[in-house]
Amino acid sequence: MEAMELTLEQIDRISDHVSTKLQLVQKQSESDAKFEKIMLQLDHRRELMEKGFDMMDKRLEQIDKRFEQVDKRFEQIDKRFEQVDKRFDRVYLFMQWQTGLGFLMVAGIYLKLFLG
């Protein structure tokens, strides 16, 4: 194959064309690098968000356990109030009997003194 002779004008046009193509390749390479950097940042942020959500889940589990403990404590308090209610009912019934007996005794004394 024979070598082709090129004019300066043709060489300049080829040089301009190659230079333009190299600039496009360089811009594409820079764009790809920026894209990869953005993707890395997004991946890092996603990982941080996942860690944050995991921490929130663990905290919510702790809060749920605490509410369960508080519920159990309220159940214990309710049981104590029921016991106090039962005791109060017994004391109240005893006081009614005492009051009734007291009235009967006073009535008996009254009847004995004034009627009999």
PDB file of N, CA and C in Angstrom:
ATOM      1  N   MET A   1       0.836  -1.164   0.000  1.00  0.00           N
ATOM      2  CA  MET A   1       0.000   0.000   0.000  1.00  0.00           C
ATOM      3  C   MET A   1       0.882   1.228   0.000  1.00  0.00           C
ATOM      4  N   GLU A   2       0.458   2.174  -0.763  1.00  0.00           N
ATOM      5  CA  GLU A   2       1.252   3.396  -0.914  1.00  0.00           C
ATOM      6  C   GLU A   2       0.906   4.429   0.137  1.00  0.00           C
ATOM      7  N   ALA A   3       1.879   5.174   0.569  1.00  0.00           N
ATOM      8  CA  ALA A   3       1.655   6.250   1.524  1.00  0.00           C
ATOM      9  C   ALA A   3       0.988   7.410   0.806  1.00  0.00           C
ATOM     10  N   MET A   4       0.048   7.993   1.504  1.00  0.00           N
ATOM     11  CA  MET A   4      -0.699   9.103   0.942  1.00  0.00           C
ATOM     12  C   MET A   4      -0.069  10.405   1.392  1.00  0.00           C
ATOM     13  N   GLU A   5       0.013  11.301   0.495  1.00  0.00           N
ATOM     14  CA  GLU A   5       0.542  12.605   0.872  1.00  0.00           C
ATOM     15  C   GLU A   5      -0.613  13.497   1.275  1.00  0.00           C
ATOM     16  N   LEU A   6      -0.450  14.136   2.438  1.00  0.00           N
ATOM     17  CA  LEU A   6      -1.509  15.004   2.946  1.00  0.00           C
ATOM     18  C   LEU A   6      -1.019  16.436   2.946  1.00  0.00           C
ATOM     19  N   THR A   7      -1.975  17.300   2.702  1.00  0.00           N
ATOM     20  CA  THR A   7      -1.637  18.725   2.737  1.00  0.00           C
ATOM     21  C   THR A   7      -1.726  19.189   4.193  1.00  0.00           C
ATOM     22  N   LEU A   8      -1.181  20.337   4.465  1.00  0.00           N
ATOM     23  CA  LEU A   8      -1.237  20.915   5.799  1.00  0.00           C
ATOM     24  C   LEU A   8      -2.682  21.152   6.228  1.00  0.00           C
ATOM     25  N   GLU A   9      -3.481  21.558   5.293  1.00  0.00           N
ATOM     26  CA  GLU A   9      -4.900  21.813   5.594  1.00  0.00           C
ATOM     27  C   GLU A   9      -5.594  20.516   6.014  1.00  0.00           C
ATOM     28  N   GLN A  10      -5.292  19.435   5.319  1.00  0.00           N
ATOM     29  CA  GLN A  10      -5.892  18.143   5.672  1.00  0.00           C
ATOM     30  C   GLN A  10      -5.388  17.669   7.033  1.00  0.00           C
ATOM     31  N   ILE A  11      -4.118  17.865   7.273  1.00  0.00           N
ATOM     32  CA  ILE A  11      -3.543  17.474   8.577  1.00  0.00           C
ATOM     33  C   ILE A  11      -4.195  18.286   9.699  1.00  0.00           C
ATOM     34  N   ASP A  12      -4.402  19.593   9.463  1.00  0.00           N
ATOM     35  CA  ASP A  12      -5.059  20.444  10.469  1.00  0.00           C
ATOM     36  C   ASP A  12      -6.490  19.976  10.726  1.00  0.00           C
ATOM     37  N   ARG A  13      -7.202  19.608   9.663  1.00  0.00           N
ATOM     38  CA  ARG A  13      -8.587  19.141   9.812  1.00  0.00           C
ATOM     39  C   ARG A  13      -8.620  17.817  10.592  1.00  0.00           C
ATOM     40  N   ILE A  14      -7.683  16.920  10.252  1.00  0.00           N
ATOM     41  CA  ILE A  14      -7.611  15.649  10.983  1.00  0.00           C
ATOM     42  C   ILE A  14      -7.255  15.898  12.442  1.00  0.00           C
ATOM     43  N   SER A  15      -6.322  16.795  12.668  1.00  0.00           N
ATOM     44  CA  SER A  15      -5.898  17.133  14.029  1.00  0.00           C
ATOM     45  C   SER A  15      -7.073  17.720  14.821  1.00  0.00           C
ATOM     46  N   ASP A  16      -7.827  18.638  14.182  1.00  0.00           N
ATOM     47  CA  ASP A  16      -8.998  19.226  14.842  1.00  0.00           C
ATOM     48  C   ASP A  16     -10.034  18.146  15.168  1.00  0.00           C
ATOM     49  N   HIS A  17     -10.259  17.242  14.230  1.00  0.00           N
ATOM     50  CA  HIS A  17     -11.236  16.180  14.415  1.00  0.00           C
ATOM     51  C   HIS A  17     -10.812  15.253  15.574  1.00  0.00           C
ATOM     52  N   VAL A  18      -9.547  14.861  15.581  1.00  0.00           N
ATOM     53  CA  VAL A  18      -9.037  13.995  16.653  1.00  0.00           C
ATOM     54  C   VAL A  18      -9.106  14.724  17.995  1.00  0.00           C
ATOM     55  N   SER A  19      -8.742  16.006  17.990  1.00  0.00           N
ATOM     56  CA  SER A  19      -8.784  16.807  19.214  1.00  0.00           C
ATOM     57  C   SER A  19     -10.212  16.892  19.749  1.00  0.00           C
ATOM     58  N   THR A  20     -11.178  17.110  18.852  1.00  0.00           N
ATOM     59  CA  THR A  20     -12.591  17.173  19.256  1.00  0.00           C
ATOM     60  C   THR A  20     -13.024  15.841  19.848  1.00  0.00           C
ATOM     61  N   LYS A  21     -12.657  14.755  19.192  1.00  0.00           N
ATOM     62  CA  LYS A  21     -13.028  13.429  19.710  1.00  0.00           C
ATOM     63  C   LYS A  21     -12.382  13.162  21.070  1.00  0.00           C
ATOM     64  N   LEU A  22     -11.121  13.540  21.247  1.00  0.00           N
ATOM     65  CA  LEU A  22     -10.441  13.351  22.525  1.00  0.00           C
ATOM     66  C   LEU A  22     -11.108  14.168  23.636  1.00  0.00           C
ATOM     67  N   GLN A  23     -11.547  15.385  23.293  1.00  0.00           N
ATOM     68  CA  GLN A  23     -12.254  16.213  24.277  1.00  0.00           C
ATOM     69  C   GLN A  23     -13.570  15.552  24.693  1.00  0.00           C
ATOM     70  N   LEU A  24     -14.286  14.997  23.713  1.00  0.00           N
ATOM     71  CA  LEU A  24     -15.545  14.297  24.017  1.00  0.00           C
ATOM     72  C   LEU A  24     -15.294  13.090  24.914  1.00  0.00           C
ATOM     73  N   VAL A  25     -14.240  12.338  24.612  1.00  0.00           N
ATOM     74  CA  VAL A  25     -13.893  11.171  25.428  1.00  0.00           C
ATOM     75  C   VAL A  25     -13.516  11.618  26.836  1.00  0.00           C
ATOM     76  N   GLN A  26     -12.748  12.711  26.928  1.00  0.00           N
ATOM     77  CA  GLN A  26     -12.338  13.215  28.239  1.00  0.00           C
ATOM     78  C   GLN A  26     -13.554  13.687  29.036  1.00  0.00           C
ATOM     79  N   LYS A  27     -14.479  14.410  28.372  1.00  0.00           N
ATOM     80  CA  LYS A  27     -15.686  14.872  29.049  1.00  0.00           C
ATOM     81  C   LYS A  27     -16.522  13.684  29.532  1.00  0.00           C
ATOM     82  N   GLN A  28     -16.623  12.664  28.675  1.00  0.00           N
ATOM     83  CA  GLN A  28     -17.378  11.467  29.057  1.00  0.00           C
ATOM     84  C   GLN A  28     -16.719  10.779  30.242  1.00  0.00           C
ATOM     85  N   SER A  29     -15.392  10.726  30.238  1.00  0.00           N
ATOM     86  CA  SER A  29     -14.657  10.117  31.347  1.00  0.00           C
ATOM     87  C   SER A  29     -14.880  10.908  32.632  1.00  0.00           C
ATOM     88  N   GLU A  30     -14.828  12.242  32.544  1.00  0.00           N
ATOM     89  CA  GLU A  30     -15.073  13.087  33.707  1.00  0.00           C
ATOM     90  C   GLU A  30     -16.510  12.904  34.201  1.00  0.00           C
ATOM     91  N   SER A  31     -17.437  12.828  33.248  1.00  0.00           N
ATOM     92  CA  SER A  31     -18.841  12.620  33.605  1.00  0.00           C
ATOM     93  C   SER A  31     -19.031  11.279  34.301  1.00  0.00           C
ATOM     94  N   ASP A  32     -18.379  10.234  33.796  1.00  0.00           N
ATOM     95  CA  ASP A  32     -18.455   8.916  34.427  1.00  0.00           C
ATOM     96  C   ASP A  32     -17.869   8.953  35.839  1.00  0.00           C
ATOM     97  N   ALA A  33     -16.760   9.689  35.999  1.00  0.00           N
ATOM     98  CA  ALA A  33     -16.133   9.790  37.321  1.00  0.00           C
ATOM     99  C   ALA A  33     -17.060  10.521  38.294  1.00  0.00           C
ATOM    100  N   LYS A  34     -17.692  11.600  37.815  1.00  0.00           N
ATOM    101  CA  LYS A  34     -18.644  12.323  38.665  1.00  0.00           C
ATOM    102  C   LYS A  34     -19.813  11.424  39.037  1.00  0.00           C
ATOM    103  N   PHE A  35     -20.299  10.665  38.060  1.00  0.00           N
ATOM    104  CA  PHE A  35     -21.418   9.758  38.301  1.00  0.00           C
ATOM    105  C   PHE A  35     -21.038   8.711  39.357  1.00  0.00           C
ATOM    106  N   GLU A  36     -19.838   8.145  39.219  1.00  0.00           N
ATOM    107  CA  GLU A  36     -19.387   7.151  40.199  1.00  0.00           C
ATOM    108  C   GLU A  36     -19.248   7.767  41.590  1.00  0.00           C
ATOM    109  N   LYS A  37     -18.753   9.010  41.645  1.00  0.00           N
ATOM    110  CA  LYS A  37     -18.610   9.694  42.933  1.00  0.00           C
ATOM    111  C   LYS A  37     -19.992   9.914  43.562  1.00  0.00           C
ATOM    112  N   ILE A  38     -20.943  10.338  42.749  1.00  0.00           N
ATOM    113  CA  ILE A  38     -22.307  10.550  43.249  1.00  0.00           C
ATOM    114  C   ILE A  38     -22.899   9.226  43.732  1.00  0.00           C
ATOM    115  N   MET A  39     -22.683   8.166  42.972  1.00  0.00           N
ATOM    116  CA  MET A  39     -23.213   6.856  43.354  1.00  0.00           C
ATOM    117  C   MET A  39     -22.590   6.380  44.665  1.00  0.00           C
ATOM    118  N   LEU A  40     -21.295   6.620  44.848  1.00  0.00           N
ATOM    119  CA  LEU A  40     -20.645   6.247  46.100  1.00  0.00           C
ATOM    120  C   LEU A  40     -21.235   7.024  47.279  1.00  0.00           C
ATOM    121  N   GLN A  41     -21.465   8.340  47.044  1.00  0.00           N
ATOM    122  CA  GLN A  41     -22.067   9.155  48.099  1.00  0.00           C
ATOM    123  C   GLN A  41     -23.470   8.659  48.426  1.00  0.00           C
ATOM    124  N   LEU A  42     -24.235   8.336  47.407  1.00  0.00           N
ATOM    125  CA  LEU A  42     -25.594   7.841  47.632  1.00  0.00           C
ATOM    126  C   LEU A  42     -25.579   6.507  48.373  1.00  0.00           C
ATOM    127  N   ASP A  43     -24.652   5.625  47.997  1.00  0.00           N
ATOM    128  CA  ASP A  43     -24.527   4.350  48.704  1.00  0.00           C
ATOM    129  C   ASP A  43     -24.187   4.562  50.177  1.00  0.00           C
ATOM    130  N   HIS A  44     -23.266   5.494  50.422  1.00  0.00           N
ATOM    131  CA  HIS A  44     -22.866   5.791  51.795  1.00  0.00           C
ATOM    132  C   HIS A  44     -24.050   6.347  52.586  1.00  0.00           C
ATOM    133  N   ARG A  45     -24.799   7.256  51.976  1.00  0.00           N
ATOM    134  CA  ARG A  45     -25.971   7.831  52.650  1.00  0.00           C
ATOM    135  C   ARG A  45     -27.030   6.760  52.907  1.00  0.00           C
ATOM    136  N   ARG A  46     -27.213   5.859  51.949  1.00  0.00           N
ATOM    137  CA  ARG A  46     -28.182   4.775  52.119  1.00  0.00           C
ATOM    138  C   ARG A  46     -27.775   3.899  53.297  1.00  0.00           C
ATOM    139  N   GLU A  47     -26.483   3.588  53.388  1.00  0.00           N
ATOM    140  CA  GLU A  47     -25.995   2.779  54.506  1.00  0.00           C
ATOM    141  C   GLU A  47     -26.223   3.487  55.838  1.00  0.00           C
ATOM    142  N   LEU A  48     -25.954   4.811  55.863  1.00  0.00           N
ATOM    143  CA  LEU A  48     -26.178   5.573  57.091  1.00  0.00           C
ATOM    144  C   LEU A  48     -27.663   5.578  57.463  1.00  0.00           C
ATOM    145  N   MET A  49     -28.525   5.732  56.459  1.00  0.00           N
ATOM    146  CA  MET A  49     -29.966   5.725  56.721  1.00  0.00           C
ATOM    147  C   MET A  49     -30.409   4.363  57.251  1.00  0.00           C
ATOM    148  N   GLU A  50     -29.891   3.286  56.670  1.00  0.00           N
ATOM    149  CA  GLU A  50     -30.245   1.944  57.140  1.00  0.00           C
ATOM    150  C   GLU A  50     -29.800   1.745  58.593  1.00  0.00           C
ATOM    151  N   LYS A  51     -28.579   2.218  58.918  1.00  0.00           N
ATOM    152  CA  LYS A  51     -28.108   2.126  60.295  1.00  0.00           C
ATOM    153  C   LYS A  51     -29.011   2.927  61.226  1.00  0.00           C
ATOM    154  N   GLY A  52     -29.396   4.127  60.778  1.00  0.00           N
ATOM    155  CA  GLY A  52     -30.295   4.962  61.579  1.00  0.00           C
ATOM    156  C   GLY A  52     -31.636   4.283  61.807  1.00  0.00           C
ATOM    157  N   PHE A  53     -32.182   3.676  60.756  1.00  0.00           N
ATOM    158  CA  PHE A  53     -33.464   2.973  60.897  1.00  0.00           C
ATOM    159  C   PHE A  53     -33.324   1.769  61.825  1.00  0.00           C
ATOM    160  N   ASP A  54     -32.215   1.060  61.724  1.00  0.00           N
ATOM    161  CA  ASP A  54     -31.982  -0.072  62.621  1.00  0.00           C
ATOM    162  C   ASP A  54     -31.919   0.402  64.074  1.00  0.00           C
ATOM    163  N   MET A  55     -31.221   1.513  64.306  1.00  0.00           N
ATOM    164  CA  MET A  55     -31.124   2.058  65.658  1.00  0.00           C
ATOM    165  C   MET A  55     -32.508   2.482  66.163  1.00  0.00           C
ATOM    166  N   MET A  56     -33.306   3.090  65.281  1.00  0.00           N
ATOM    167  CA  MET A  56     -34.654   3.499  65.673  1.00  0.00           C
ATOM    168  C   MET A  56     -35.507   2.277  66.004  1.00  0.00           C
ATOM    169  N   ASP A  57     -35.378   1.214  65.206  1.00  0.00           N
ATOM    170  CA  ASP A  57     -36.125  -0.011  65.483  1.00  0.00           C
ATOM    171  C   ASP A  57     -35.767  -0.572  66.848  1.00  0.00           C
ATOM    172  N   LYS A  58     -34.463  -0.605  67.160  1.00  0.00           N
ATOM    173  CA  LYS A  58     -34.024  -1.116  68.458  1.00  0.00           C
ATOM    174  C   LYS A  58     -34.568  -0.247  69.591  1.00  0.00           C
ATOM    175  N   ARG A  59     -34.549   1.057  69.394  1.00  0.00           N
ATOM    176  CA  ARG A  59     -35.059   1.974  70.424  1.00  0.00           C
ATOM    177  C   ARG A  59     -36.560   1.768  70.615  1.00  0.00           C
ATOM    178  N   LEU A  60     -37.288   1.595  69.522  1.00  0.00           N
ATOM    179  CA  LEU A  60     -38.728   1.364  69.625  1.00  0.00           C
ATOM    180  C   LEU A  60     -39.021   0.038  70.328  1.00  0.00           C
ATOM    181  N   GLU A  61     -38.189  -0.967  70.096  1.00  0.00           N
ATOM    182  CA  GLU A  61     -38.351  -2.239  70.810  1.00  0.00           C
ATOM    183  C   GLU A  61     -38.150  -2.034  72.307  1.00  0.00           C
ATOM    184  N   GLN A  62     -37.142  -1.228  72.666  1.00  0.00           N
ATOM    185  CA  GLN A  62     -36.904  -0.936  74.078  1.00  0.00           C
ATOM    186  C   GLN A  62     -38.102  -0.211  74.685  1.00  0.00           C
ATOM    187  N   ILE A  63     -38.658   0.731  73.938  1.00  0.00           N
ATOM    188  CA  ILE A  63     -39.816   1.484  74.420  1.00  0.00           C
ATOM    189  C   ILE A  63     -41.009   0.542  74.599  1.00  0.00           C
ATOM    190  N   ASP A  64     -41.203  -0.372  73.639  1.00  0.00           N
ATOM    191  CA  ASP A  64     -42.290  -1.355  73.756  1.00  0.00           C
ATOM    192  C   ASP A  64     -42.126  -2.201  75.014  1.00  0.00           C
ATOM    193  N   LYS A  65     -40.889  -2.643  75.272  1.00  0.00           N
ATOM    194  CA  LYS A  65     -40.638  -3.442  76.486  1.00  0.00           C
ATOM    195  C   LYS A  65     -40.949  -2.625  77.737  1.00  0.00           C
ATOM    196  N   ARG A  66     -40.579  -1.363  77.715  1.00  0.00           N
ATOM    197  CA  ARG A  66     -40.844  -0.496  78.875  1.00  0.00           C
ATOM    198  C   ARG A  66     -42.353  -0.333  79.082  1.00  0.00           C
ATOM    199  N   PHE A  67     -43.100  -0.164  77.989  1.00  0.00           N
ATOM    200  CA  PHE A  67     -44.556  -0.063  78.112  1.00  0.00           C
ATOM    201  C   PHE A  67     -45.152  -1.355  78.664  1.00  0.00           C
ATOM    202  N   GLU A  68     -44.601  -2.491  78.255  1.00  0.00           N
ATOM    203  CA  GLU A  68     -45.073  -3.766  78.793  1.00  0.00           C
ATOM    204  C   GLU A  68     -44.838  -3.828  80.300  1.00  0.00           C
ATOM    205  N   GLN A  69     -43.663  -3.353  80.735  1.00  0.00           N
ATOM    206  CA  GLN A  69     -43.365  -3.334  82.163  1.00  0.00           C
ATOM    207  C   GLN A  69     -44.331  -2.411  82.904  1.00  0.00           C
ATOM    208  N   VAL A  70     -44.613  -1.262  82.323  1.00  0.00           N
ATOM    209  CA  VAL A  70     -45.536  -0.314  82.946  1.00  0.00           C
ATOM    210  C   VAL A  70     -46.933  -0.934  83.026  1.00  0.00           C
ATOM    211  N   ASP A  71     -47.349  -1.626  81.948  1.00  0.00           N
ATOM    212  CA  ASP A  71     -48.651  -2.301  81.966  1.00  0.00           C
ATOM    213  C   ASP A  71     -48.722  -3.335  83.085  1.00  0.00           C
ATOM    214  N   LYS A  72     -47.650  -4.113  83.246  1.00  0.00           N
ATOM    215  CA  LYS A  72     -47.617  -5.109  84.323  1.00  0.00           C
ATOM    216  C   LYS A  72     -47.716  -4.429  85.685  1.00  0.00           C
ATOM    217  N   ARG A  73     -47.034  -3.306  85.824  1.00  0.00           N
ATOM    218  CA  ARG A  73     -47.066  -2.569  87.088  1.00  0.00           C
ATOM    219  C   ARG A  73     -48.479  -2.075  87.371  1.00  0.00           C
ATOM    220  N   PHE A  74     -49.172  -1.571  86.343  1.00  0.00           N
ATOM    221  CA  PHE A  74     -50.554  -1.129  86.527  1.00  0.00           C
ATOM    222  C   PHE A  74     -51.462  -2.299  86.903  1.00  0.00           C
ATOM    223  N   GLU A  75     -51.207  -3.470  86.332  1.00  0.00           N
ATOM    224  CA  GLU A  75     -51.992  -4.649  86.698  1.00  0.00           C
ATOM    225  C   GLU A  75     -51.792  -4.982  88.175  1.00  0.00           C
ATOM    226  N   GLN A  76     -50.542  -4.879  88.642  1.00  0.00           N
ATOM    227  CA  GLN A  76     -50.264  -5.137  90.058  1.00  0.00           C
ATOM    228  C   GLN A  76     -50.988  -4.122  90.947  1.00  0.00           C
ATOM    229  N   ILE A  77     -50.964  -2.861  90.524  1.00  0.00           N
ATOM    230  CA  ILE A  77     -51.645  -1.810  91.292  1.00  0.00           C
ATOM    231  C   ILE A  77     -53.146  -2.067  91.318  1.00  0.00           C
ATOM    232  N   ASP A  78     -53.714  -2.480  90.162  1.00  0.00           N
ATOM    233  CA  ASP A  78     -55.147  -2.805  90.117  1.00  0.00           C
ATOM    234  C   ASP A  78     -55.476  -3.930  91.093  1.00  0.00           C
ATOM    235  N   LYS A  79     -54.628  -4.958  91.141  1.00  0.00           N
ATOM    236  CA  LYS A  79     -54.855  -6.070  92.068  1.00  0.00           C
ATOM    237  C   LYS A  79     -54.822  -5.582  93.520  1.00  0.00           C
ATOM    238  N   ARG A  80     -53.886  -4.690  93.824  1.00  0.00           N
ATOM    239  CA  ARG A  80     -53.804  -4.153  95.185  1.00  0.00           C
ATOM    240  C   ARG A  80     -55.062  -3.361  95.531  1.00  0.00           C
ATOM    241  N   PHE A  81     -55.540  -2.554  94.563  1.00  0.00           N
ATOM    242  CA  PHE A  81     -56.772  -1.803  94.812  1.00  0.00           C
ATOM    243  C   PHE A  81     -57.956  -2.743  95.044  1.00  0.00           C
ATOM    244  N   GLU A  82     -58.008  -3.841  94.299  1.00  0.00           N
ATOM    245  CA  GLU A  82     -59.074  -4.818  94.506  1.00  0.00           C
ATOM    246  C   GLU A  82     -58.988  -5.406  95.911  1.00  0.00           C
ATOM    247  N   GLN A  83     -57.757  -5.713  96.374  1.00  0.00           N
ATOM    248  CA  GLN A  83     -57.578  -6.238  97.730  1.00  0.00           C
ATOM    249  C   GLN A  83     -58.016  -5.210  98.766  1.00  0.00           C
ATOM    250  N   VAL A  84     -57.651  -3.946  98.537  1.00  0.00           N
ATOM    251  CA  VAL A  84     -58.043  -2.883  99.467  1.00  0.00           C
ATOM    252  C   VAL A  84     -59.566  -2.735  99.463  1.00  0.00           C
ATOM    253  N   ASP A  85     -60.175  -2.831  98.283  1.00  0.00           N
ATOM    254  CA  ASP A  85     -61.634  -2.751  98.195  1.00  0.00           C
ATOM    255  C   ASP A  85     -62.282  -3.859  99.017  1.00  0.00           C
ATOM    256  N   LYS A  86     -61.739  -5.087  98.906  1.00  0.00           N
ATOM    257  CA  LYS A  86     -62.296  -6.206  99.659  1.00  0.00           C
ATOM    258  C   LYS A  86     -62.152  -5.959 101.163  1.00  0.00           C
ATOM    259  N   ARG A  87     -60.987  -5.468 101.563  1.00  0.00           N
ATOM    260  CA  ARG A  87     -60.771  -5.166 102.988  1.00  0.00           C
ATOM    261  C   ARG A  87     -61.727  -4.066 103.449  1.00  0.00           C
ATOM    262  N   PHE A  88     -61.862  -3.039 102.609  1.00  0.00           N
ATOM    263  CA  PHE A  88     -62.742  -1.935 102.962  1.00  0.00           C
ATOM    264  C   PHE A  88     -64.179  -2.435 103.090  1.00  0.00           C
ATOM    265  N   ASP A  89     -64.603  -3.315 102.184  1.00  0.00           N
ATOM    266  CA  ASP A  89     -65.956  -3.876 102.266  1.00  0.00           C
ATOM    267  C   ASP A  89     -66.142  -4.615 103.593  1.00  0.00           C
ATOM    268  N   ARG A  90     -65.130  -5.400 103.996  1.00  0.00           N
ATOM    269  CA  ARG A  90     -65.222  -6.126 105.267  1.00  0.00           C
ATOM    270  C   ARG A  90     -65.272  -5.162 106.451  1.00  0.00           C
ATOM    271  N   VAL A  91     -64.428  -4.127 106.407  1.00  0.00           N
ATOM    272  CA  VAL A  91     -64.411  -3.131 107.492  1.00  0.00           C
ATOM    273  C   VAL A  91     -65.745  -2.396 107.535  1.00  0.00           C
ATOM    274  N   TYR A  92     -66.258  -2.045 106.352  1.00  0.00           N
ATOM    275  CA  TYR A  92     -67.533  -1.329 106.272  1.00  0.00           C
ATOM    276  C   TYR A  92     -68.662  -2.189 106.838  1.00  0.00           C
ATOM    277  N   LEU A  93     -68.664  -3.479 106.465  1.00  0.00           N
ATOM    278  CA  LEU A  93     -69.680  -4.398 106.982  1.00  0.00           C
ATOM    279  C   LEU A  93     -69.557  -4.532 108.503  1.00  0.00           C
ATOM    280  N   PHE A  94     -68.308  -4.626 108.989  1.00  0.00           N
ATOM    281  CA  PHE A  94     -68.076  -4.706 110.433  1.00  0.00           C
ATOM    282  C   PHE A  94     -68.593  -3.439 111.124  1.00  0.00           C
ATOM    283  N   MET A  95     -68.320  -2.279 110.524  1.00  0.00           N
ATOM    284  CA  MET A  95     -68.776  -1.014 111.107  1.00  0.00           C
ATOM    285  C   MET A  95     -70.304  -0.948 111.112  1.00  0.00           C
ATOM    286  N   GLN A  96     -70.949  -1.467 110.086  1.00  0.00           N
ATOM    287  CA  GLN A  96     -72.410  -1.488 110.052  1.00  0.00           C
ATOM    288  C   GLN A  96     -72.945  -2.343 111.201  1.00  0.00           C
ATOM    289  N   TRP A  97     -72.329  -3.506 111.375  1.00  0.00           N
ATOM    290  CA  TRP A  97     -72.763  -4.389 112.460  1.00  0.00           C
ATOM    291  C   TRP A  97     -72.536  -3.717 113.812  1.00  0.00           C
ATOM    292  N   GLN A  98     -71.382  -3.081 113.956  1.00  0.00           N
ATOM    293  CA  GLN A  98     -71.088  -2.405 115.220  1.00  0.00           C
ATOM    294  C   GLN A  98     -72.081  -1.284 115.482  1.00  0.00           C
ATOM    295  N   THR A  99     -72.369  -0.522 114.452  1.00  0.00           N
ATOM    296  CA  THR A  99     -73.311   0.584 114.593  1.00  0.00           C
ATOM    297  C   THR A  99     -74.696   0.049 114.963  1.00  0.00           C
ATOM    298  N   GLY A 100     -75.097  -1.013 114.251  1.00  0.00           N
ATOM    299  CA  GLY A 100     -76.401  -1.619 114.559  1.00  0.00           C
ATOM    300  C   GLY A 100     -76.466  -2.129 115.981  1.00  0.00           C
ATOM    301  N   LEU A 101     -75.394  -2.820 116.397  1.00  0.00           N
ATOM    302  CA  LEU A 101     -75.353  -3.320 117.769  1.00  0.00           C
ATOM    303  C   LEU A 101     -75.346  -2.177 118.778  1.00  0.00           C
ATOM    304  N   GLY A 102     -74.614  -1.113 118.404  1.00  0.00           N
ATOM    305  CA  GLY A 102     -74.574   0.062 119.292  1.00  0.00           C
ATOM    306  C   GLY A 102     -75.958   0.662 119.454  1.00  0.00           C
ATOM    307  N   PHE A 103     -76.693   0.794 118.370  1.00  0.00           N
ATOM    308  CA  PHE A 103     -78.053   1.328 118.454  1.00  0.00           C
ATOM    309  C   PHE A 103     -78.949   0.404 119.278  1.00  0.00           C
ATOM    310  N   LEU A 104     -78.791  -0.907 119.063  1.00  0.00           N
ATOM    311  CA  LEU A 104     -79.589  -1.859 119.840  1.00  0.00           C
ATOM    312  C   LEU A 104     -79.281  -1.746 121.329  1.00  0.00           C
ATOM    313  N   MET A 105     -77.977  -1.592 121.633  1.00  0.00           N
ATOM    314  CA  MET A 105     -77.603  -1.476 123.045  1.00  0.00           C
ATOM    315  C   MET A 105     -78.169  -0.188 123.643  1.00  0.00           C
ATOM    316  N   VAL A 106     -78.036   0.909 122.906  1.00  0.00           N
ATOM    317  CA  VAL A 106     -78.555   2.183 123.398  1.00  0.00           C
ATOM    318  C   VAL A 106     -80.071   2.080 123.556  1.00  0.00           C
ATOM    319  N   ALA A 107     -80.725   1.468 122.552  1.00  0.00           N
ATOM    320  CA  ALA A 107     -82.182   1.307 122.637  1.00  0.00           C
ATOM    321  C   ALA A 107     -82.553   0.421 123.830  1.00  0.00           C
ATOM    322  N   GLY A 108     -81.785  -0.651 124.055  1.00  0.00           N
ATOM    323  CA  GLY A 108     -82.047  -1.529 125.184  1.00  0.00           C
ATOM    324  C   GLY A 108     -81.879  -0.810 126.509  1.00  0.00           C
ATOM    325  N   ILE A 109     -80.802  -0.024 126.612  1.00  0.00           N
ATOM    326  CA  ILE A 109     -80.561   0.743 127.846  1.00  0.00           C
ATOM    327  C   ILE A 109     -81.672   1.767 128.029  1.00  0.00           C
ATOM    328  N   TYR A 110     -82.038   2.429 126.963  1.00  0.00           N
ATOM    329  CA  TYR A 110     -83.090   3.435 127.011  1.00  0.00           C
ATOM    330  C   TYR A 110     -84.411   2.797 127.476  1.00  0.00           C
ATOM    331  N   LEU A 111     -84.720   1.674 126.854  1.00  0.00           N
ATOM    332  CA  LEU A 111     -85.959   0.982 127.236  1.00  0.00           C
ATOM    333  C   LEU A 111     -85.905   0.542 128.707  1.00  0.00           C
ATOM    334  N   LYS A 112     -84.778   0.030 129.124  1.00  0.00           N
ATOM    335  CA  LYS A 112     -84.632  -0.454 130.503  1.00  0.00           C
ATOM    336  C   LYS A 112     -84.751   0.692 131.487  1.00  0.00           C
ATOM    337  N   LEU A 113     -84.106   1.834 131.153  1.00  0.00           N
ATOM    338  CA  LEU A 113     -84.118   2.964 132.081  1.00  0.00           C
ATOM    339  C   LEU A 113     -85.480   3.653 132.148  1.00  0.00           C
ATOM    340  N   PHE A 114     -86.075   3.831 130.998  1.00  0.00           N
ATOM    341  CA  PHE A 114     -87.294   4.642 130.984  1.00  0.00           C
ATOM    342  C   PHE A 114     -88.557   3.808 131.017  1.00  0.00           C
ATOM    343  N   LEU A 115     -88.494   2.602 130.585  1.00  0.00           N
ATOM    344  CA  LEU A 115     -89.721   1.802 130.566  1.00  0.00           C
ATOM    345  C   LEU A 115     -89.695   0.719 131.632  1.00  0.00           C
ATOM    346  N   GLY A 116     -88.609   0.442 132.047  1.00  0.00           N
ATOM    347  CA  GLY A 116     -88.664  -0.601 132.872  1.00  0.00           C
ATOM    348  C   GLY A 116     -88.108  -1.064 134.043  1.00  0.00           C
TER     349      GLY A 116
END
